N, C-alpha and C. Protein backbone atom coordinates (compact mmCIF):
# COMPACT_ATOMS: atom_id res chain seq x y z
N VAL A 1 0.83 -1.18 0.00
CA VAL A 1 0.00 0.00 0.00
C VAL A 1 0.88 1.25 0.00
N TYR A 2 1.94 1.25 0.82
CA TYR A 2 2.83 2.41 0.90
C TYR A 2 3.49 2.67 -0.45
N ALA A 3 3.95 1.61 -1.09
CA ALA A 3 4.63 1.76 -2.38
C ALA A 3 3.68 2.29 -3.45
N ASP A 4 2.44 1.87 -3.42
CA ASP A 4 1.45 2.38 -4.38
C ASP A 4 1.17 3.86 -4.16
N THR A 5 1.14 4.28 -2.91
CA THR A 5 0.81 5.67 -2.59
C THR A 5 1.97 6.61 -2.88
N TYR A 6 3.20 6.23 -2.46
CA TYR A 6 4.34 7.14 -2.54
C TYR A 6 5.34 6.83 -3.65
N GLY A 7 5.22 5.70 -4.28
CA GLY A 7 6.09 5.38 -5.41
C GLY A 7 7.38 4.68 -5.04
N TYR A 8 7.61 4.43 -3.76
CA TYR A 8 8.78 3.67 -3.34
C TYR A 8 8.45 2.93 -2.05
N THR A 9 9.26 1.93 -1.73
CA THR A 9 8.95 1.06 -0.60
C THR A 9 9.33 1.71 0.72
N LEU A 10 8.83 1.12 1.80
CA LEU A 10 9.21 1.60 3.13
C LEU A 10 10.71 1.48 3.37
N PHE A 11 11.32 0.44 2.83
CA PHE A 11 12.75 0.26 2.98
C PHE A 11 13.51 1.44 2.37
N LYS A 12 13.10 1.85 1.19
CA LYS A 12 13.74 2.98 0.51
C LYS A 12 13.50 4.28 1.28
N ALA A 13 12.30 4.46 1.81
CA ALA A 13 11.97 5.66 2.57
C ALA A 13 12.83 5.76 3.84
N PHE A 14 12.99 4.65 4.55
CA PHE A 14 13.82 4.64 5.76
C PHE A 14 15.26 4.97 5.40
N GLU A 15 15.76 4.36 4.35
CA GLU A 15 17.13 4.59 3.91
C GLU A 15 17.35 6.06 3.57
N LYS A 16 16.42 6.63 2.86
CA LYS A 16 16.52 8.02 2.39
C LYS A 16 16.42 9.01 3.55
N GLU A 17 15.49 8.79 4.45
CA GLU A 17 15.22 9.76 5.51
C GLU A 17 16.17 9.66 6.69
N LEU A 18 16.64 8.48 7.03
CA LEU A 18 17.40 8.30 8.26
C LEU A 18 18.91 8.25 8.06
N GLY A 19 19.37 8.17 6.85
CA GLY A 19 20.81 8.15 6.62
C GLY A 19 21.43 6.81 6.91
N ARG A 20 22.74 6.78 6.93
CA ARG A 20 23.48 5.53 7.05
C ARG A 20 23.33 4.87 8.42
N LEU A 21 23.69 5.58 9.49
CA LEU A 21 23.74 4.95 10.80
C LEU A 21 22.35 4.63 11.36
N GLY A 22 21.49 5.61 11.41
CA GLY A 22 20.15 5.37 11.90
C GLY A 22 19.34 4.52 10.95
N GLY A 23 19.62 4.68 9.67
CA GLY A 23 18.89 3.93 8.65
C GLY A 23 19.14 2.45 8.72
N GLU A 24 20.37 2.06 9.02
CA GLU A 24 20.70 0.63 9.08
C GLU A 24 19.93 -0.06 10.22
N ALA A 25 19.86 0.59 11.36
CA ALA A 25 19.12 0.02 12.49
C ALA A 25 17.62 -0.01 12.20
N ALA A 26 17.12 1.05 11.60
CA ALA A 26 15.70 1.11 11.27
C ALA A 26 15.33 0.08 10.21
N LEU A 27 16.20 -0.10 9.22
CA LEU A 27 15.95 -1.09 8.18
C LEU A 27 15.95 -2.50 8.76
N PHE A 28 16.84 -2.76 9.71
CA PHE A 28 16.87 -4.07 10.35
C PHE A 28 15.57 -4.32 11.11
N THR A 29 15.12 -3.32 11.86
CA THR A 29 13.88 -3.45 12.62
C THR A 29 12.69 -3.65 11.69
N LEU A 30 12.62 -2.87 10.63
CA LEU A 30 11.54 -3.02 9.66
C LEU A 30 11.60 -4.40 9.01
N GLY A 31 12.80 -4.84 8.65
CA GLY A 31 12.97 -6.16 8.04
C GLY A 31 12.54 -7.28 8.96
N MET A 32 12.81 -7.14 10.26
CA MET A 32 12.40 -8.17 11.21
C MET A 32 10.89 -8.22 11.37
N LYS A 33 10.21 -7.12 11.12
CA LYS A 33 8.75 -7.10 11.19
C LYS A 33 8.12 -7.64 9.91
N LEU A 34 8.67 -7.26 8.76
CA LEU A 34 8.06 -7.63 7.48
C LEU A 34 8.59 -8.94 6.90
N LYS A 35 9.90 -9.16 6.98
CA LYS A 35 10.54 -10.34 6.39
C LYS A 35 11.62 -10.87 7.34
N PRO A 36 11.23 -11.46 8.45
CA PRO A 36 12.24 -11.86 9.45
C PRO A 36 13.24 -12.91 8.96
N TYR A 37 12.78 -13.88 8.19
CA TYR A 37 13.68 -14.95 7.76
C TYR A 37 14.73 -14.43 6.78
N GLU A 38 14.31 -13.59 5.86
CA GLU A 38 15.24 -13.01 4.89
C GLU A 38 16.22 -12.05 5.59
N THR A 39 15.73 -11.32 6.58
CA THR A 39 16.58 -10.37 7.30
C THR A 39 17.68 -11.10 8.06
N VAL A 40 17.34 -12.17 8.73
CA VAL A 40 18.35 -12.95 9.46
C VAL A 40 19.31 -13.62 8.47
N ALA A 41 18.81 -14.07 7.33
CA ALA A 41 19.68 -14.66 6.31
C ALA A 41 20.70 -13.63 5.82
N HIS A 42 20.26 -12.39 5.62
CA HIS A 42 21.19 -11.33 5.21
C HIS A 42 22.21 -11.03 6.31
N LEU A 43 21.78 -11.10 7.55
CA LEU A 43 22.69 -10.86 8.67
C LEU A 43 23.74 -11.96 8.77
N ILE A 44 23.35 -13.20 8.53
CA ILE A 44 24.32 -14.30 8.52
C ILE A 44 25.29 -14.14 7.36
N LYS A 45 24.77 -13.74 6.21
CA LYS A 45 25.64 -13.49 5.05
C LYS A 45 26.66 -12.39 5.37
N LYS A 46 26.19 -11.34 6.05
CA LYS A 46 27.07 -10.23 6.44
C LYS A 46 28.17 -10.72 7.39
N ALA A 47 27.83 -11.64 8.28
CA ALA A 47 28.80 -12.17 9.25
C ALA A 47 29.86 -13.03 8.57
N THR A 48 29.52 -13.66 7.46
CA THR A 48 30.46 -14.57 6.80
C THR A 48 31.07 -13.98 5.53
N LYS A 49 30.76 -12.74 5.23
CA LYS A 49 31.23 -12.11 4.00
C LYS A 49 32.70 -11.71 4.12
N GLY A 50 33.42 -11.83 3.03
CA GLY A 50 34.80 -11.39 3.00
C GLY A 50 35.79 -12.48 3.37
N LEU A 51 37.00 -12.06 3.68
CA LEU A 51 38.06 -13.02 3.97
C LEU A 51 37.88 -13.70 5.31
N GLY A 52 37.48 -12.95 6.32
CA GLY A 52 37.31 -13.53 7.64
C GLY A 52 35.84 -13.61 8.02
N THR A 53 35.57 -14.45 8.98
CA THR A 53 34.21 -14.57 9.49
C THR A 53 34.12 -13.81 10.80
N ASN A 54 33.07 -13.02 10.94
CA ASN A 54 32.82 -12.34 12.21
C ASN A 54 32.15 -13.37 13.12
N GLU A 55 32.97 -14.10 13.85
CA GLU A 55 32.48 -15.22 14.64
C GLU A 55 31.51 -14.79 15.73
N THR A 56 31.74 -13.62 16.31
CA THR A 56 30.84 -13.14 17.36
C THR A 56 29.46 -12.87 16.80
N LEU A 57 29.39 -12.17 15.68
CA LEU A 57 28.10 -11.87 15.05
C LEU A 57 27.40 -13.16 14.62
N LEU A 58 28.14 -14.07 14.02
CA LEU A 58 27.56 -15.33 13.56
C LEU A 58 27.02 -16.16 14.73
N THR A 59 27.81 -16.30 15.77
CA THR A 59 27.38 -17.08 16.94
C THR A 59 26.17 -16.44 17.62
N CYS A 60 26.20 -15.13 17.77
CA CYS A 60 25.06 -14.44 18.39
C CYS A 60 23.78 -14.63 17.57
N ASN A 61 23.90 -14.58 16.25
CA ASN A 61 22.73 -14.78 15.40
C ASN A 61 22.18 -16.20 15.52
N ILE A 62 23.05 -17.17 15.52
CA ILE A 62 22.61 -18.56 15.61
C ILE A 62 21.92 -18.82 16.95
N ILE A 63 22.48 -18.28 18.01
CA ILE A 63 21.87 -18.48 19.33
C ILE A 63 20.57 -17.69 19.46
N ARG A 64 20.58 -16.44 19.05
CA ARG A 64 19.40 -15.59 19.23
C ARG A 64 18.22 -16.05 18.39
N TYR A 65 18.49 -16.46 17.16
CA TYR A 65 17.41 -16.80 16.23
C TYR A 65 17.25 -18.30 16.02
N GLN A 66 17.66 -19.11 16.99
CA GLN A 66 17.60 -20.56 16.84
C GLN A 66 16.17 -21.07 16.64
N ASP A 67 15.18 -20.37 17.14
CA ASP A 67 13.79 -20.80 16.97
C ASP A 67 13.31 -20.74 15.52
N ILE A 68 13.90 -19.84 14.73
CA ILE A 68 13.45 -19.67 13.34
C ILE A 68 14.49 -20.12 12.33
N MET A 69 15.55 -20.79 12.79
CA MET A 69 16.65 -21.15 11.88
C MET A 69 16.22 -22.07 10.75
N GLY A 70 15.24 -22.90 10.96
CA GLY A 70 14.75 -23.75 9.87
C GLY A 70 14.26 -22.93 8.70
N HIS A 71 13.52 -21.87 8.99
CA HIS A 71 13.03 -20.98 7.94
C HIS A 71 14.16 -20.14 7.35
N VAL A 72 15.12 -19.78 8.21
CA VAL A 72 16.26 -18.97 7.75
C VAL A 72 17.11 -19.77 6.77
N TYR A 73 17.30 -21.08 7.01
CA TYR A 73 18.05 -21.93 6.08
C TYR A 73 17.43 -21.88 4.69
N ILE A 74 16.12 -22.02 4.64
CA ILE A 74 15.41 -21.99 3.35
C ILE A 74 15.56 -20.63 2.69
N ALA A 75 15.37 -19.56 3.45
CA ALA A 75 15.49 -18.20 2.90
C ALA A 75 16.91 -17.95 2.39
N HIS A 76 17.91 -18.41 3.13
CA HIS A 76 19.31 -18.21 2.72
C HIS A 76 19.59 -18.93 1.40
N GLU A 77 19.11 -20.15 1.27
CA GLU A 77 19.32 -20.89 0.03
C GLU A 77 18.61 -20.22 -1.15
N GLN A 78 17.42 -19.69 -0.94
CA GLN A 78 16.70 -19.01 -2.00
C GLN A 78 17.38 -17.70 -2.39
N LEU A 79 17.86 -16.95 -1.42
CA LEU A 79 18.48 -15.65 -1.69
C LEU A 79 19.87 -15.76 -2.29
N PHE A 80 20.69 -16.64 -1.74
CA PHE A 80 22.10 -16.68 -2.10
C PHE A 80 22.53 -17.95 -2.83
N LYS A 81 21.60 -18.89 -3.04
CA LYS A 81 21.89 -20.14 -3.74
C LYS A 81 23.00 -20.95 -3.07
N LYS A 82 23.12 -20.77 -1.75
CA LYS A 82 24.13 -21.51 -0.97
C LYS A 82 23.50 -21.95 0.33
N SER A 83 23.96 -23.09 0.81
CA SER A 83 23.51 -23.59 2.10
C SER A 83 24.29 -22.92 3.21
N ILE A 84 23.69 -22.73 4.34
CA ILE A 84 24.40 -22.19 5.50
C ILE A 84 25.41 -23.19 6.03
N HIS A 85 25.15 -24.46 5.83
CA HIS A 85 26.01 -25.51 6.35
C HIS A 85 27.36 -25.59 5.64
N LYS A 86 27.44 -25.11 4.43
CA LYS A 86 28.70 -25.24 3.68
C LYS A 86 29.58 -24.04 3.86
């Protein structure tokens, strides 16, 4: 409904209005309300991106979101075409 009325999504509006630092936190909160499995999948991808793994972020995510990890596995495979296990 928001996108039809204003021409862009809530995600884009938060990004535009809140800037980098506040926008990232707001986008995460919005993502957890609208698309929680995809949001956690992106967070896990962020933790494992690059040469090193951010082990603290990865471990915290796995512990905190263990109740929804089954759905997150599926979302991660759909988004990134890779299994979390590999």
